[in-house]
Amino acid sequence: MLIVKRKLKFKTMDLSTYKFPEVTKVDLAFPTFNTPKELVEEAKKRNPQKGMKKFSELFYSGGKIELKKDVEGTWKENAYMYARALMGSWSPKHEHKELVVGMIFEECLVL
């Protein structure tokens, strides 16, 4: 009997077309954002291990970050600000925050 294993390829969402909410200074101080279902599902598909590790480091211990050179002035800047606010929000499950923020970190940070 021959068993063939194959990897399933999932079509990934183009995050540059996703409408991340505008984040204000008040949102950063008092975050109330939630994790949209479509971002959670996308993050599960991508399995952003490096980004999730960075999330855990920052969430539990603090630390330093380095933004990629192409972040400022692009959709990535807005996504990064959303991720920062999401980290402090009480609304979503921690696991969902970790997935979504990890995915955004992989797009925006040097890891």
C-alpha atoms as a PDB file:
ATOM      1  CA  MET A   1       0.000   0.000   0.000  1.00  0.00           C
ATOM      2  CA  LEU A   2       1.424   3.361  -1.024  1.00  0.00           C
ATOM      3  CA  ILE A   3       0.666   6.415   1.106  1.00  0.00           C
ATOM      4  CA  VAL A   4       1.229   9.794  -0.455  1.00  0.00           C
ATOM      5  CA  LYS A   5       1.437  12.883   1.685  1.00  0.00           C
ATOM      6  CA  ARG A   6       0.859  16.226   0.105  1.00  0.00           C
ATOM      7  CA  LYS A   7       0.790  19.692   1.458  1.00  0.00           C
ATOM      8  CA  LEU A   8      -2.391  21.612   0.951  1.00  0.00           C
ATOM      9  CA  LYS A   9      -1.840  25.094  -0.359  1.00  0.00           C
ATOM     10  CA  PHE A  10      -4.259  27.688   0.908  1.00  0.00           C
ATOM     11  CA  LYS A  11      -4.898  30.844  -0.994  1.00  0.00           C
ATOM     12  CA  THR A  12      -3.821  33.672   1.271  1.00  0.00           C
ATOM     13  CA  MET A  13      -5.578  36.973   1.701  1.00  0.00           C
ATOM     14  CA  ASP A  14      -3.871  40.060   0.313  1.00  0.00           C
ATOM     15  CA  LEU A  15      -3.531  42.095   3.507  1.00  0.00           C
ATOM     16  CA  SER A  16      -2.751  45.243   1.524  1.00  0.00           C
ATOM     17  CA  THR A  17      -6.393  45.322   0.429  1.00  0.00           C
ATOM     18  CA  TYR A  18      -7.823  44.738   3.923  1.00  0.00           C
ATOM     19  CA  LYS A  19      -9.371  47.846   5.500  1.00  0.00           C
ATOM     20  CA  PHE A  20      -7.616  48.081   8.858  1.00  0.00           C
ATOM     21  CA  PRO A  21      -9.314  50.601  11.169  1.00  0.00           C
ATOM     22  CA  GLU A  22      -7.726  53.986  11.726  1.00  0.00           C
ATOM     23  CA  VAL A  23      -6.006  54.041  15.130  1.00  0.00           C
ATOM     24  CA  THR A  24      -5.864  57.225  17.178  1.00  0.00           C
ATOM     25  CA  LYS A  25      -3.763  58.046  20.234  1.00  0.00           C
ATOM     26  CA  VAL A  26      -6.882  57.496  22.336  1.00  0.00           C
ATOM     27  CA  ASP A  27      -7.263  54.024  20.792  1.00  0.00           C
ATOM     28  CA  LEU A  28      -3.702  53.218  21.815  1.00  0.00           C
ATOM     29  CA  ALA A  29      -4.317  54.415  25.370  1.00  0.00           C
ATOM     30  CA  PHE A  30      -7.742  52.774  25.745  1.00  0.00           C
ATOM     31  CA  PRO A  31      -7.953  50.022  23.115  1.00  0.00           C
ATOM     32  CA  THR A  32     -11.336  48.458  22.376  1.00  0.00           C
ATOM     33  CA  PHE A  33     -10.560  46.636  19.130  1.00  0.00           C
ATOM     34  CA  ASN A  34     -11.593  43.071  18.458  1.00  0.00           C
ATOM     35  CA  THR A  35     -10.214  40.413  16.116  1.00  0.00           C
ATOM     36  CA  PRO A  36     -12.343  40.105  12.981  1.00  0.00           C
ATOM     37  CA  LYS A  37     -13.163  36.513  12.051  1.00  0.00           C
ATOM     38  CA  GLU A  38     -11.567  36.833   8.599  1.00  0.00           C
ATOM     39  CA  LEU A  39      -8.224  37.954  10.082  1.00  0.00           C
ATOM     40  CA  VAL A  40      -8.248  35.133  12.629  1.00  0.00           C
ATOM     41  CA  GLU A  41      -8.912  32.569   9.872  1.00  0.00           C
ATOM     42  CA  GLU A  42      -6.174  34.061   7.674  1.00  0.00           C
ATOM     43  CA  ALA A  43      -3.693  34.005  10.554  1.00  0.00           C
ATOM     44  CA  LYS A  44      -4.530  30.351  11.263  1.00  0.00           C
ATOM     45  CA  LYS A  45      -3.754  29.504   7.621  1.00  0.00           C
ATOM     46  CA  ARG A  46      -0.446  31.381   7.706  1.00  0.00           C
ATOM     47  CA  ASN A  47       0.636  30.044  11.128  1.00  0.00           C
ATOM     48  CA  PRO A  48       2.891  33.052  11.910  1.00  0.00           C
ATOM     49  CA  GLN A  49       5.267  31.406  14.387  1.00  0.00           C
ATOM     50  CA  LYS A  50       7.986  34.107  14.325  1.00  0.00           C
ATOM     51  CA  GLY A  51       5.432  36.889  14.724  1.00  0.00           C
ATOM     52  CA  MET A  52       3.670  35.050  17.547  1.00  0.00           C
ATOM     53  CA  LYS A  53       6.987  34.584  19.345  1.00  0.00           C
ATOM     54  CA  LYS A  54       7.630  38.342  19.084  1.00  0.00           C
ATOM     55  CA  PHE A  55       4.084  39.038  20.301  1.00  0.00           C
ATOM     56  CA  SER A  56       4.669  36.891  23.393  1.00  0.00           C
ATOM     57  CA  GLU A  57       8.012  38.557  24.087  1.00  0.00           C
ATOM     58  CA  LEU A  58       6.506  42.053  23.889  1.00  0.00           C
ATOM     59  CA  PHE A  59       3.291  41.124  25.709  1.00  0.00           C
ATOM     60  CA  TYR A  60       4.937  39.449  28.685  1.00  0.00           C
ATOM     61  CA  SER A  61       8.388  41.053  28.942  1.00  0.00           C
ATOM     62  CA  GLY A  62       8.532  44.125  26.728  1.00  0.00           C
ATOM     63  CA  GLY A  63      11.317  44.561  24.245  1.00  0.00           C
ATOM     64  CA  LYS A  64      12.461  46.368  21.154  1.00  0.00           C
ATOM     65  CA  ILE A  65      11.124  46.287  17.633  1.00  0.00           C
ATOM     66  CA  GLU A  66      12.489  47.260  14.264  1.00  0.00           C
ATOM     67  CA  LEU A  67      10.061  48.162  11.510  1.00  0.00           C
ATOM     68  CA  LYS A  68      10.801  47.063   7.967  1.00  0.00           C
ATOM     69  CA  LYS A  69      11.855  49.913   5.682  1.00  0.00           C
ATOM     70  CA  ASP A  70       8.667  49.733   3.588  1.00  0.00           C
ATOM     71  CA  VAL A  71       6.222  50.251   6.493  1.00  0.00           C
ATOM     72  CA  GLU A  72       6.036  54.029   6.876  1.00  0.00           C
ATOM     73  CA  GLY A  73       3.331  55.657   4.807  1.00  0.00           C
ATOM     74  CA  THR A  74       1.833  52.386   3.563  1.00  0.00           C
ATOM     75  CA  TRP A  75      -1.001  50.056   4.568  1.00  0.00           C
ATOM     76  CA  LYS A  76       1.544  48.304   6.798  1.00  0.00           C
ATOM     77  CA  GLU A  77       1.803  51.370   9.040  1.00  0.00           C
ATOM     78  CA  ASN A  78      -1.949  51.308   9.651  1.00  0.00           C
ATOM     79  CA  ALA A  79      -1.864  47.526  10.196  1.00  0.00           C
ATOM     80  CA  TYR A  80       0.994  47.898  12.691  1.00  0.00           C
ATOM     81  CA  MET A  81      -0.890  50.578  14.645  1.00  0.00           C
ATOM     82  CA  TYR A  82      -3.936  48.291  14.702  1.00  0.00           C
ATOM     83  CA  ALA A  83      -1.745  45.452  16.033  1.00  0.00           C
ATOM     84  CA  ARG A  84      -0.374  47.703  18.787  1.00  0.00           C
ATOM     85  CA  ALA A  85      -3.886  48.669  19.870  1.00  0.00           C
ATOM     86  CA  LEU A  86      -5.111  45.083  19.601  1.00  0.00           C
ATOM     87  CA  MET A  87      -2.388  43.873  21.961  1.00  0.00           C
ATOM     88  CA  GLY A  88      -3.855  45.980  24.766  1.00  0.00           C
ATOM     89  CA  SER A  89      -7.506  45.302  24.063  1.00  0.00           C
ATOM     90  CA  TRP A  90      -9.529  43.208  26.514  1.00  0.00           C
ATOM     91  CA  SER A  91     -12.187  42.169  23.980  1.00  0.00           C
ATOM     92  CA  PRO A  92     -10.617  39.353  21.941  1.00  0.00           C
ATOM     93  CA  LYS A  93      -9.410  35.981  23.121  1.00  0.00           C
ATOM     94  CA  HIS A  94      -5.690  36.024  23.824  1.00  0.00           C
ATOM     95  CA  GLU A  95      -5.102  33.243  21.276  1.00  0.00           C
ATOM     96  CA  HIS A  96      -6.807  35.291  18.565  1.00  0.00           C
ATOM     97  CA  LYS A  97      -4.784  38.392  19.438  1.00  0.00           C
ATOM     98  CA  GLU A  98      -1.598  36.348  19.296  1.00  0.00           C
ATOM     99  CA  LEU A  99      -2.450  34.938  15.853  1.00  0.00           C
ATOM    100  CA  VAL A 100      -3.557  38.208  14.241  1.00  0.00           C
ATOM    101  CA  VAL A 101      -0.819  40.366  15.760  1.00  0.00           C
ATOM    102  CA  GLY A 102       1.770  37.715  14.889  1.00  0.00           C
ATOM    103  CA  MET A 103       0.634  37.746  11.273  1.00  0.00           C
ATOM    104  CA  ILE A 104       0.835  41.547  11.126  1.00  0.00           C
ATOM    105  CA  PHE A 105       4.245  41.525  12.806  1.00  0.00           C
ATOM    106  CA  GLU A 106       5.576  39.177  10.134  1.00  0.00           C
ATOM    107  CA  GLU A 107       4.517  41.746   7.511  1.00  0.00           C
ATOM    108  CA  CYS A 108       5.785  44.817   9.351  1.00  0.00           C
ATOM    109  CA  LEU A 109       8.724  43.939  11.623  1.00  0.00           C
ATOM    110  CA  VAL A 110      12.240  42.707  11.092  1.00  0.00           C
ATOM    111  CA  LEU A 111      12.151  39.380  12.927  1.00  0.00           C
END
